[in-house]
Amino acid sequence: MSKSSSRRRTIVIGLVVLVVIAAGVFLLTRPKKARYRTATVERGDVSVSVSATGTVNPVSQVTVGSQVSGTLEKVAVDFNDHVTVGQLLAKIDPRNYESALKQAQASLASAQASLTQAQLSGARAETLYSAQLLSYSDYLQARTDLELAKARRDQAQASYEQAQTNLAYTTITAPMSGVVVARKVESGQTVAASLQSPDLFTIADLSQMQVEVSIDEADVGKLDTGLSATFNVDAYPENIFAGKLVQVRNQPVVSSNVTTYIGIVRVANPGMLLKPGMTANVKIIVRAVDDVLMVPNAALSAKLASTLGFSPVARTQTSGRSGAATTGTSGGVRDSLRSRRGAAGSRRQGPPGESGLPGADGQRRRFRPGAAVAGDSSRPGADPDTAAGAAAVASAVTKTVYVLQSGKPVPREVEIGMADAGNTEVIRGLQEGELVITGLGQGKSSNGTSTRQNRVPMMGGFGGPGR
C-alpha cells in the first residue's frame, strides 16, 4: 500500500470521528422539548357520595316456633319452599291434647250440672226465706253455694278453652307469605316449649330487601333520608342495584373505639338475586350533577404551577364555603367576587320545566333527580332554580388550569363546582375538547405530549383539590 493511500484513509477516518463527536455534542447541548401529560376537557357526571359496606337482609322476616311440646308427626315444608299465609308447616302429635280436651269438656259438663243444681237450691231458699220458713243462715249458705258453683263452672270453661287452644297449636301454620330460608327440625323430633318457644322455621319475604349499612360518624352528618344509593354484591359484581336511604338510626354502634351508625337502604328484589347475609358495597349519593364539563383533579393541583415553571399561586377566600379559595398566577389574578357578580348577572332563564344552572358553554347544568344541589343545605331534590340552587353557583371557586396551546402551557382561570375523587366540574372558563395539563409526561406522542381521557370513578367520595 502506498503512502498516499494510507494518508487518505487516515484523513477519512479522522473526518468521520469529528462528525460523530460534533453530532454527539449537538444532541447533548440542544434544548430539550418539554413533554406534558394532558387530559381532554369532556362531559360527564360528577357526584359526591359516601361509601360504606353493609349486609343485605329481608325487610320482613319471622321465626316460627311452637307454643306446645310434643313429637313432630309431620314436617310439610323444606328449604326454599314458597309458602302462603295459613299454609301447614308442621304437625305435632295431637293425641295428648285431644285427651286433655275431652277431660276439660267433661269437667265443664260437671260444673255446669252443679251450677244448675245450685241455682234450683238458691231459688227454693229464696222462696222459703220470704215466707219466713227458712233461717237467715241457711239462706246465706244457699246463696254462697250458688256463687261457688258459678266460679267452678267459669274455671271449667277456661280449662276447656285452654285445651282447645293447645290442640290447635299442634298444627303449625305460616304467619306470612314468603320463602322458607331456614328449617331447624325433622319429622319425629321432640320439641319442648317449657320456658320459651323453640325455633322451627324462618320465613322471609325476599321481594323487598334492605341493606344495613355501617356509616362512619364523620359521614353521618352529611346524610338524610331520601338520598339515592347504589350498591353491588360479590355474587354479582357486574350488577348495580339501586335503592334509597330510608333511615339513619340514632343508636351508636361502638367497636374497638370506633363509632358507627346504622343506615337502612331499601331496594326491590324482583329477580330474587339478592339473598340474606350478602355483603354490599354501598355508595350513597349526597350531591350529583350530570352531563357537565369536567377535568381531572390533577389539572387543579397547587403544585402544578411550580412544576411547569410558573410563579407560585396566590390564594384568597372568595366564598362562604369552608376551604373555598381563588387562585391565579402572578399578574394574572382576577377579582373572583367581581367575576361571580358578572356570572350571576348573566344567568339565563331557561324554558319552563328545565332544571339547571348555566355551564361553561352556555348550556344549563342538569342536576340528577333525587340528588341535592352542590352547596344546597335543603332537602334532596331541591329545585336548582331556587335560591338554594343559586347559592350553589355563588359558592363556586375560581382556580387556575394550564391549557396546552401550540405545544406550550397557557394559564387560564376557571370557575369550578362540584368535585369527586377523580374529576372536578368546570362551570366556566374551558371548552369541550381542549387539552389541560395534568403534569409532566414520561411518554412521547406526535406533538410531544402524552394524553389521557378523564375517568369518572365508580365509587366517588368527598373532597378534591381546593375544596
Protein backbone atom coordinates (compact mmCIF):
# COMPACT_ATOMS: atom_id res chain seq x y z
CA MET A 1 0.00 0.00 0.00
CA SER A 2 1.39 3.38 -0.99
CA LYS A 3 1.94 6.22 1.43
CA SER A 4 -0.64 8.39 -0.34
CA SER A 5 -3.39 5.75 0.08
CA SER A 6 -2.59 5.35 3.75
CA ARG A 7 -2.71 9.11 4.24
CA ARG A 8 -6.12 9.40 2.55
CA ARG A 9 -7.50 6.61 4.72
CA THR A 10 -6.28 8.33 7.88
CA ILE A 11 -7.87 11.61 6.80
CA VAL A 12 -11.24 9.90 6.11
CA ILE A 13 -11.25 8.16 9.50
CA GLY A 14 -10.42 11.45 11.22
CA LEU A 15 -13.25 13.25 9.45
CA VAL A 16 -15.73 10.52 10.44
CA VAL A 17 -14.64 10.75 14.08
CA LEU A 18 -15.02 14.56 14.03
CA VAL A 19 -18.52 14.26 12.54
CA VAL A 20 -19.56 11.75 15.22
CA ILE A 21 -18.18 13.97 18.02
CA ALA A 22 -19.91 17.06 16.60
CA ALA A 23 -23.24 15.20 16.34
CA GLY A 24 -22.95 13.98 19.93
CA VAL A 25 -22.18 17.46 21.23
CA PHE A 26 -25.15 18.86 19.29
CA LEU A 27 -27.55 16.26 20.67
CA LEU A 28 -26.35 16.77 24.23
CA THR A 29 -26.42 20.54 24.19
CA ARG A 30 -29.59 21.29 22.17
CA PRO A 31 -32.67 22.47 24.13
CA LYS A 32 -34.97 19.62 25.12
CA LYS A 33 -38.61 19.86 24.17
CA ALA A 34 -40.85 19.52 27.21
CA ARG A 35 -43.33 16.68 27.28
CA TYR A 36 -46.64 17.18 29.08
CA ARG A 37 -49.23 14.79 30.37
CA THR A 38 -52.63 16.13 29.29
CA ALA A 39 -56.31 15.33 29.54
CA THR A 40 -59.22 16.32 27.35
CA VAL A 41 -61.96 18.51 28.73
CA GLU A 42 -65.06 16.40 28.27
CA ARG A 43 -68.58 15.94 29.54
CA GLY A 44 -69.56 13.52 32.24
CA ASP A 45 -71.19 13.06 35.63
CA VAL A 46 -69.72 14.31 38.91
CA SER A 47 -71.10 13.07 42.20
CA VAL A 48 -70.21 13.46 45.86
CA SER A 49 -71.01 10.32 47.77
CA VAL A 50 -70.44 8.39 50.97
CA SER A 51 -69.09 4.86 50.58
CA ALA A 52 -69.74 2.14 53.15
CA THR A 53 -70.34 -1.58 53.49
CA GLY A 54 -73.40 -3.33 54.78
CA THR A 55 -75.34 -6.57 54.96
CA VAL A 56 -78.38 -7.46 52.88
CA ASN A 57 -81.41 -8.63 54.88
CA PRO A 58 -85.11 -9.08 54.18
CA VAL A 59 -87.44 -6.26 55.17
CA SER A 60 -89.97 -8.76 56.57
CA GLN A 61 -88.77 -11.91 58.31
CA VAL A 62 -90.34 -14.04 61.04
CA THR A 63 -89.18 -17.01 63.09
CA VAL A 64 -91.86 -19.66 63.54
CA GLY A 65 -91.89 -21.55 66.84
CA SER A 66 -94.12 -23.91 68.81
CA GLN A 67 -96.37 -22.99 71.71
CA VAL A 68 -96.73 -26.59 72.91
CA SER A 69 -94.40 -29.51 73.46
CA GLY A 70 -94.56 -32.83 71.71
CA THR A 71 -93.26 -35.02 68.94
CA LEU A 72 -93.33 -33.71 65.40
CA GLU A 73 -95.64 -36.00 63.49
CA LYS A 74 -95.07 -34.27 60.15
CA VAL A 75 -92.84 -31.58 58.62
CA ALA A 76 -94.56 -30.32 55.47
CA VAL A 77 -92.02 -27.81 54.05
CA ASP A 78 -88.35 -27.69 53.20
CA PHE A 79 -85.69 -25.06 52.50
CA ASN A 80 -86.54 -22.52 49.75
CA ASP A 81 -90.20 -23.54 49.62
CA HIS A 82 -92.64 -20.72 48.86
CA VAL A 83 -95.46 -20.62 51.41
CA THR A 84 -98.61 -18.55 51.85
CA VAL A 85 -100.38 -17.31 54.96
CA GLY A 86 -102.05 -20.21 56.81
CA GLN A 87 -100.22 -22.96 54.94
CA LEU A 88 -99.32 -26.05 57.00
CA LEU A 89 -95.68 -26.13 58.06
CA ALA A 90 -95.61 -28.96 60.63
CA LYS A 91 -97.88 -31.10 62.80
CA ILE A 92 -97.28 -32.14 66.42
CA ASP A 93 -98.74 -35.42 67.66
CA PRO A 94 -102.18 -34.25 68.96
CA ARG A 95 -103.27 -37.33 70.99
CA ASN A 96 -102.28 -35.99 74.41
CA TYR A 97 -104.01 -32.68 73.70
CA GLU A 98 -107.12 -34.40 72.38
CA SER A 99 -107.35 -36.34 75.66
CA ALA A 100 -106.85 -33.18 77.67
CA LEU A 101 -109.65 -31.52 75.67
CA LYS A 102 -112.06 -34.40 76.41
CA GLN A 103 -111.19 -34.24 80.11
CA ALA A 104 -111.76 -30.50 80.17
CA GLN A 105 -115.05 -30.96 78.34
CA ALA A 106 -116.23 -33.45 80.99
CA SER A 107 -115.17 -31.16 83.81
CA LEU A 108 -117.10 -28.33 82.19
CA ALA A 109 -120.26 -30.51 81.92
CA SER A 110 -119.97 -31.50 85.61
CA ALA A 111 -119.51 -27.90 86.67
CA GLN A 112 -122.50 -26.85 84.59
CA ALA A 113 -124.68 -29.52 86.27
CA SER A 114 -123.53 -28.40 89.71
CA LEU A 115 -124.38 -24.82 88.80
CA THR A 116 -127.88 -25.84 87.68
CA GLN A 117 -128.45 -27.67 90.99
CA ALA A 118 -127.19 -24.69 92.97
CA GLN A 119 -129.48 -22.36 91.06
CA LEU A 120 -132.53 -24.52 91.92
CA SER A 121 -131.50 -24.70 95.60
CA GLY A 122 -130.98 -20.96 95.71
CA ALA A 123 -134.43 -20.29 94.22
CA ARG A 124 -136.08 -22.64 96.78
CA ALA A 125 -134.21 -20.97 99.65
CA GLU A 126 -135.29 -17.56 98.41
CA THR A 127 -138.97 -18.65 98.46
CA LEU A 128 -138.75 -20.23 101.94
CA TYR A 129 -136.88 -17.28 103.37
CA SER A 130 -139.55 -14.87 102.01
CA ALA A 131 -142.23 -16.98 103.77
CA GLN A 132 -140.16 -16.95 106.96
CA LEU A 133 -139.87 -20.73 106.78
CA LEU A 134 -136.05 -20.72 106.47
CA SER A 135 -133.46 -19.27 108.78
CA TYR A 136 -131.20 -16.46 107.60
CA SER A 137 -128.07 -18.57 107.99
CA ASP A 138 -129.47 -21.31 105.72
CA TYR A 139 -130.49 -18.65 103.21
CA LEU A 140 -126.93 -17.23 103.14
CA GLN A 141 -125.48 -20.73 102.75
CA ALA A 142 -127.67 -21.37 99.71
CA ARG A 143 -126.56 -18.12 98.07
CA THR A 144 -122.88 -18.91 98.81
CA ASP A 145 -123.23 -22.36 97.26
CA LEU A 146 -124.67 -20.75 94.13
CA GLU A 147 -121.72 -18.33 93.75
CA LEU A 148 -119.21 -21.16 94.24
CA ALA A 149 -120.96 -23.21 91.58
CA LYS A 150 -120.70 -20.29 89.13
CA ALA A 151 -116.98 -19.90 89.85
CA ARG A 152 -116.36 -23.63 89.31
CA ARG A 153 -118.30 -23.50 86.04
CA ASP A 154 -116.21 -20.48 84.84
CA GLN A 155 -112.99 -22.26 85.80
CA ALA A 156 -114.03 -25.37 83.90
CA GLN A 157 -114.94 -23.22 80.90
CA ALA A 158 -111.46 -21.61 80.90
CA SER A 159 -109.78 -25.01 81.14
CA TYR A 160 -111.85 -26.23 78.23
CA GLU A 161 -110.90 -23.23 76.06
CA GLN A 162 -107.22 -23.67 77.00
CA ALA A 163 -107.36 -27.31 75.96
CA GLN A 164 -108.93 -26.28 72.65
CA THR A 165 -106.16 -23.73 72.09
CA ASN A 166 -103.39 -26.22 72.90
CA LEU A 167 -104.89 -28.71 70.47
CA ALA A 168 -104.96 -26.01 67.76
CA TYR A 169 -101.28 -25.22 68.49
CA THR A 170 -100.33 -28.73 67.39
CA THR A 171 -100.97 -27.54 63.81
CA ILE A 172 -98.20 -25.07 62.93
CA THR A 173 -99.03 -22.77 60.01
CA ALA A 174 -97.23 -19.95 58.18
CA PRO A 175 -97.90 -16.49 59.70
CA MET A 176 -96.87 -14.73 56.46
CA SER A 177 -96.23 -15.39 52.80
CA GLY A 178 -92.62 -15.82 51.78
CA VAL A 179 -89.77 -18.27 51.37
CA VAL A 180 -88.60 -20.80 53.97
CA VAL A 181 -84.99 -19.72 54.47
CA ALA A 182 -84.34 -21.96 57.49
CA ARG A 183 -85.73 -25.29 58.73
CA LYS A 184 -84.35 -26.47 62.06
CA VAL A 185 -86.40 -29.63 62.76
CA GLU A 186 -87.10 -33.04 61.27
CA SER A 187 -90.06 -35.41 61.46
CA GLY A 188 -90.04 -37.43 64.69
CA GLN A 189 -88.11 -34.79 66.61
CA THR A 190 -89.42 -33.77 70.02
CA VAL A 191 -89.84 -30.08 70.73
CA ALA A 192 -90.08 -28.69 74.26
CA ALA A 193 -91.86 -25.40 74.85
CA SER A 194 -91.12 -25.01 78.55
CA LEU A 195 -89.52 -21.59 79.04
CA GLN A 196 -89.56 -20.20 75.51
CA SER A 197 -90.88 -21.11 72.11
CA PRO A 198 -88.40 -23.30 70.19
CA ASP A 199 -87.41 -22.07 66.72
CA LEU A 200 -88.65 -24.37 63.98
CA PHE A 201 -88.64 -22.33 60.74
CA THR A 202 -87.60 -18.92 59.43
CA ILE A 203 -89.77 -17.36 56.72
CA ALA A 204 -88.74 -14.21 54.82
CA ASP A 205 -90.28 -12.07 52.11
CA LEU A 206 -87.42 -11.79 49.61
CA SER A 207 -89.24 -9.45 47.22
CA GLN A 208 -88.24 -6.43 49.35
CA MET A 209 -84.73 -6.25 50.79
CA GLN A 210 -82.78 -3.74 52.83
CA VAL A 211 -79.08 -3.13 53.33
CA GLU A 212 -77.97 -2.36 56.87
CA VAL A 213 -75.04 -0.01 56.22
CA SER A 214 -72.37 0.90 58.78
CA ILE A 215 -71.86 4.66 58.38
CA ASP A 216 -68.81 6.33 59.88
CA GLU A 217 -69.59 9.06 62.39
CA ALA A 218 -67.66 11.56 60.22
CA ASP A 219 -70.13 10.95 57.37
CA VAL A 220 -73.40 10.58 59.23
CA GLY A 221 -73.98 14.36 59.33
CA LYS A 222 -73.90 14.52 55.52
CA LEU A 223 -76.76 12.08 55.04
CA ASP A 224 -80.52 12.39 55.17
CA THR A 225 -83.41 10.11 54.32
CA GLY A 226 -84.48 10.05 50.69
CA LEU A 227 -81.00 10.10 49.17
CA SER A 228 -80.34 7.76 46.26
CA ALA A 229 -77.95 4.86 46.79
CA THR A 230 -76.32 2.23 44.60
CA PHE A 231 -74.50 -0.92 45.59
CA ASN A 232 -73.14 -4.18 44.30
CA VAL A 233 -72.51 -7.56 45.88
CA ASP A 234 -69.68 -10.02 45.40
CA ALA A 235 -72.02 -12.61 43.89
CA TYR A 236 -72.94 -10.27 41.01
CA PRO A 237 -70.02 -7.83 40.62
CA GLU A 238 -71.30 -6.54 37.26
CA ASN A 239 -74.81 -5.76 38.55
CA ILE A 240 -75.56 -2.37 40.09
CA PHE A 241 -78.60 -2.29 42.40
CA ALA A 242 -80.38 1.00 43.07
CA GLY A 243 -82.24 1.92 46.25
CA LYS A 244 -82.97 4.76 48.65
CA LEU A 245 -81.76 5.63 52.12
CA VAL A 246 -84.91 5.36 54.25
CA GLN A 247 -83.48 5.56 57.77
CA VAL A 248 -80.40 6.61 59.72
CA ARG A 249 -80.64 5.16 63.21
CA ASN A 250 -79.55 7.23 66.19
CA GLN A 251 -78.31 4.26 68.20
CA PRO A 252 -74.47 4.25 68.00
CA VAL A 253 -72.51 1.07 67.41
CA VAL A 254 -69.10 1.16 69.12
CA SER A 255 -66.48 -1.41 68.17
CA SER A 256 -62.76 -1.08 69.03
CA ASN A 257 -63.35 2.60 69.98
CA VAL A 258 -64.80 3.26 66.51
CA THR A 259 -68.33 4.67 66.42
CA THR A 260 -70.63 3.94 63.51
CA TYR A 261 -74.33 4.35 62.85
CA ILE A 262 -76.70 2.03 61.03
CA GLY A 263 -78.33 3.30 57.84
CA ILE A 264 -81.11 1.40 56.07
CA VAL A 265 -81.13 1.32 52.26
CA ARG A 266 -84.37 -0.14 50.87
CA VAL A 267 -84.28 -1.91 47.49
CA ALA A 268 -86.69 -4.02 45.44
CA ASN A 269 -85.65 -7.58 44.62
CA PRO A 270 -87.98 -8.79 41.85
CA GLY A 271 -85.48 -11.26 40.37
CA MET A 272 -84.61 -12.71 43.80
CA LEU A 273 -80.90 -12.16 43.08
CA LEU A 274 -80.23 -10.65 46.48
CA LYS A 275 -80.07 -13.14 49.31
CA PRO A 276 -79.97 -12.63 53.08
CA GLY A 277 -76.49 -12.14 54.51
CA MET A 278 -74.80 -10.86 51.34
CA THR A 279 -72.15 -8.17 51.81
CA ALA A 280 -72.91 -4.99 49.85
CA ASN A 281 -70.57 -2.19 48.81
CA VAL A 282 -72.83 0.85 49.05
CA LYS A 283 -72.44 4.33 47.59
CA ILE A 284 -74.91 6.90 48.91
CA ILE A 285 -75.10 9.87 46.56
CA VAL A 286 -75.11 13.12 48.53
CA ARG A 287 -74.89 15.58 45.62
CA ALA A 288 -74.59 14.98 41.90
CA VAL A 289 -74.66 16.80 38.57
CA ASP A 290 -74.98 15.13 35.18
CA ASP A 291 -73.58 15.98 31.74
CA VAL A 292 -71.22 18.78 32.85
CA LEU A 293 -67.74 19.76 31.69
CA MET A 294 -65.09 18.25 33.90
CA VAL A 295 -61.33 18.00 34.26
CA PRO A 296 -59.17 15.62 36.30
CA ASN A 297 -58.33 16.79 39.80
CA ALA A 298 -54.64 16.67 38.88
CA ALA A 299 -55.18 19.61 36.50
CA LEU A 300 -56.08 21.76 39.54
CA SER A 301 -53.15 20.70 41.70
CA ALA A 302 -51.47 23.55 43.59
CA LYS A 303 -48.05 22.06 42.78
CA LEU A 304 -48.62 22.18 39.04
CA ALA A 305 -47.56 25.86 38.72
CA SER A 306 -44.08 25.25 40.11
CA THR A 307 -43.78 22.02 38.14
CA LEU A 308 -44.38 23.92 34.89
CA GLY A 309 -42.10 26.79 35.89
CA PHE A 310 -44.77 29.40 36.73
CA SER A 311 -44.88 31.68 39.74
CA PRO A 312 -46.49 30.35 42.94
CA VAL A 313 -50.26 30.54 43.07
CA ALA A 314 -51.89 33.17 45.29
CA ARG A 315 -54.87 32.20 47.48
CA THR A 316 -57.71 34.32 48.79
CA GLN A 317 -61.01 33.46 50.45
CA THR A 318 -63.83 34.07 47.99
CA SER A 319 -66.93 32.36 49.27
CA GLY A 320 -68.71 31.32 52.40
CA ARG A 321 -67.91 27.68 51.79
CA SER A 322 -65.24 26.29 54.05
CA GLY A 323 -61.99 25.86 52.23
CA ALA A 324 -63.06 27.76 49.10
CA ALA A 325 -60.29 29.95 47.64
CA THR A 326 -59.43 31.89 44.48
CA THR A 327 -56.12 31.11 42.81
CA GLY A 328 -54.13 32.50 39.89
CA THR A 329 -50.63 33.25 38.62
CA SER A 330 -48.82 36.48 39.44
CA GLY A 331 -50.05 39.30 37.22
CA GLY A 332 -53.00 37.18 36.10
CA VAL A 333 -55.24 37.10 39.20
CA ARG A 334 -58.71 38.48 38.65
CA ASP A 335 -61.21 39.59 41.21
CA SER A 336 -63.34 36.47 41.78
CA LEU A 337 -66.04 38.42 43.54
CA ARG A 338 -66.46 40.66 40.51
CA SER A 339 -66.36 37.58 38.31
CA ARG A 340 -69.16 35.91 40.25
CA ARG A 341 -71.25 39.11 40.14
CA GLY A 342 -70.89 39.08 36.37
CA ALA A 343 -71.77 35.37 36.32
CA ALA A 344 -74.89 35.99 38.38
CA GLY A 345 -75.91 38.82 36.10
CA SER A 346 -75.52 36.64 33.02
CA ARG A 347 -77.60 33.76 34.38
CA ARG A 348 -80.19 32.78 31.82
CA GLN A 349 -83.74 31.82 32.47
CA GLY A 350 -84.37 28.51 30.71
CA PRO A 351 -87.57 27.31 29.18
CA PRO A 352 -90.39 26.25 31.52
CA GLY A 353 -89.75 22.94 33.24
CA GLU A 354 -85.98 23.00 32.60
CA SER A 355 -83.88 22.47 35.70
CA GLY A 356 -80.26 23.54 35.96
CA LEU A 357 -77.78 26.39 36.03
CA PRO A 358 -75.53 27.94 33.33
CA GLY A 359 -72.49 25.89 32.34
CA ALA A 360 -69.17 26.72 30.75
CA ASP A 361 -70.54 26.64 27.22
CA GLY A 362 -73.82 28.42 27.96
CA GLN A 363 -75.75 25.20 28.50
CA ARG A 364 -77.53 24.56 31.74
CA ARG A 365 -76.30 22.20 34.42
CA ARG A 366 -78.56 19.21 34.79
CA PHE A 367 -78.97 18.02 38.34
CA ARG A 368 -79.65 14.38 38.90
CA PRO A 369 -83.16 13.73 40.22
CA GLY A 370 -83.15 12.83 43.90
CA ALA A 371 -79.69 14.31 44.49
CA ALA A 372 -79.08 17.54 46.33
CA VAL A 373 -77.57 20.61 44.68
CA ALA A 374 -73.95 21.43 45.48
CA GLY A 375 -73.93 23.94 48.31
CA ASP A 376 -77.64 23.40 48.98
CA SER A 377 -78.44 22.56 52.58
CA SER A 378 -82.09 21.85 51.83
CA ARG A 379 -83.71 18.50 51.35
CA PRO A 380 -82.62 16.31 48.40
CA GLY A 381 -84.32 17.04 45.15
CA ALA A 382 -84.38 20.81 45.62
CA ASP A 383 -85.03 22.84 42.50
CA PRO A 384 -81.71 24.39 41.40
CA ASP A 385 -83.56 27.41 40.00
CA THR A 386 -84.50 28.42 43.54
CA ALA A 387 -82.35 30.44 45.94
CA ALA A 388 -80.66 27.23 47.08
CA GLY A 389 -79.65 26.46 43.53
CA ALA A 390 -78.34 29.99 43.01
CA ALA A 391 -76.28 29.58 46.17
CA ALA A 392 -74.54 26.64 44.52
CA VAL A 393 -73.18 28.94 41.81
CA ALA A 394 -72.37 31.70 44.29
CA SER A 395 -70.18 29.27 46.24
CA ALA A 396 -68.14 28.26 43.17
CA VAL A 397 -64.35 28.59 43.37
CA THR A 398 -62.03 30.23 40.86
CA LYS A 399 -58.80 28.31 40.18
CA THR A 400 -56.10 28.16 37.53
CA VAL A 401 -55.55 25.43 34.98
CA TYR A 402 -52.90 25.24 32.27
CA VAL A 403 -54.15 24.74 28.75
CA LEU A 404 -51.84 23.33 26.10
CA GLN A 405 -51.76 25.75 23.17
CA SER A 406 -49.25 25.42 20.31
CA GLY A 407 -47.28 22.99 22.44
CA LYS A 408 -46.95 25.45 25.35
CA PRO A 409 -48.81 25.70 28.69
CA VAL A 410 -51.04 28.77 28.97
CA PRO A 411 -52.60 29.61 32.37
CA ARG A 412 -56.32 30.15 32.42
CA GLU A 413 -58.66 30.89 35.28
CA VAL A 414 -61.75 28.69 35.51
CA GLU A 415 -64.72 28.54 37.82
CA ILE A 416 -65.21 25.10 39.31
CA GLY A 417 -68.10 23.50 41.10
CA MET A 418 -68.53 20.02 42.48
CA ALA A 419 -65.63 17.58 42.81
CA ASP A 420 -65.41 13.85 43.44
CA ALA A 421 -62.45 11.53 43.92
CA GLY A 422 -61.36 11.76 40.29
CA ASN A 423 -62.81 14.79 38.49
CA THR A 424 -63.95 18.35 39.10
CA GLU A 425 -66.84 20.14 37.43
CA VAL A 426 -65.93 23.22 35.35
CA ILE A 427 -68.70 25.83 35.36
CA ARG A 428 -67.00 28.29 33.03
CA GLY A 429 -63.58 29.06 31.55
CA LEU A 430 -62.99 25.98 29.34
CA GLN A 431 -64.48 24.50 26.20
CA GLU A 432 -65.12 20.86 25.49
CA GLY A 433 -62.24 19.22 23.68
CA GLU A 434 -59.46 21.50 24.99
CA LEU A 435 -56.33 19.91 26.44
CA VAL A 436 -55.40 20.71 30.03
CA ILE A 437 -52.04 19.80 31.51
CA THR A 438 -52.04 17.40 34.46
CA GLY A 439 -48.26 17.06 34.83
CA LEU A 440 -45.02 16.29 33.06
CA GLY A 441 -45.29 13.27 30.79
CA GLN A 442 -42.93 10.33 30.50
CA GLY A 443 -44.07 9.05 27.14
CA LYS A 444 -43.99 10.71 23.75
CA SER A 445 -46.63 11.43 21.13
CA SER A 446 -46.57 13.18 17.77
CA ASN A 447 -46.91 16.62 19.34
CA GLY A 448 -44.58 15.95 22.22
CA THR A 449 -47.37 15.34 24.75
CA SER A 450 -48.96 12.35 26.38
CA THR A 451 -52.73 12.37 26.65
CA ARG A 452 -55.42 10.53 28.56
CA GLN A 453 -59.16 10.65 28.89
CA ASN A 454 -60.99 11.67 32.04
CA ARG A 455 -62.43 8.79 34.01
CA VAL A 456 -65.23 9.16 36.50
CA PRO A 457 -64.57 6.74 39.39
CA MET A 458 -67.38 4.37 40.22
CA MET A 459 -67.16 4.94 43.96
CA GLY A 460 -66.88 8.68 44.49
CA GLY A 461 -66.06 10.47 47.72
CA PHE A 462 -65.86 13.80 49.34
CA GLY A 463 -63.04 16.19 48.71
CA GLY A 464 -60.98 17.13 45.72
CA PRO A 465 -58.28 19.73 45.18
CA GLY A 466 -59.06 23.18 46.50
CA ARG A 467 -62.30 22.09 48.15
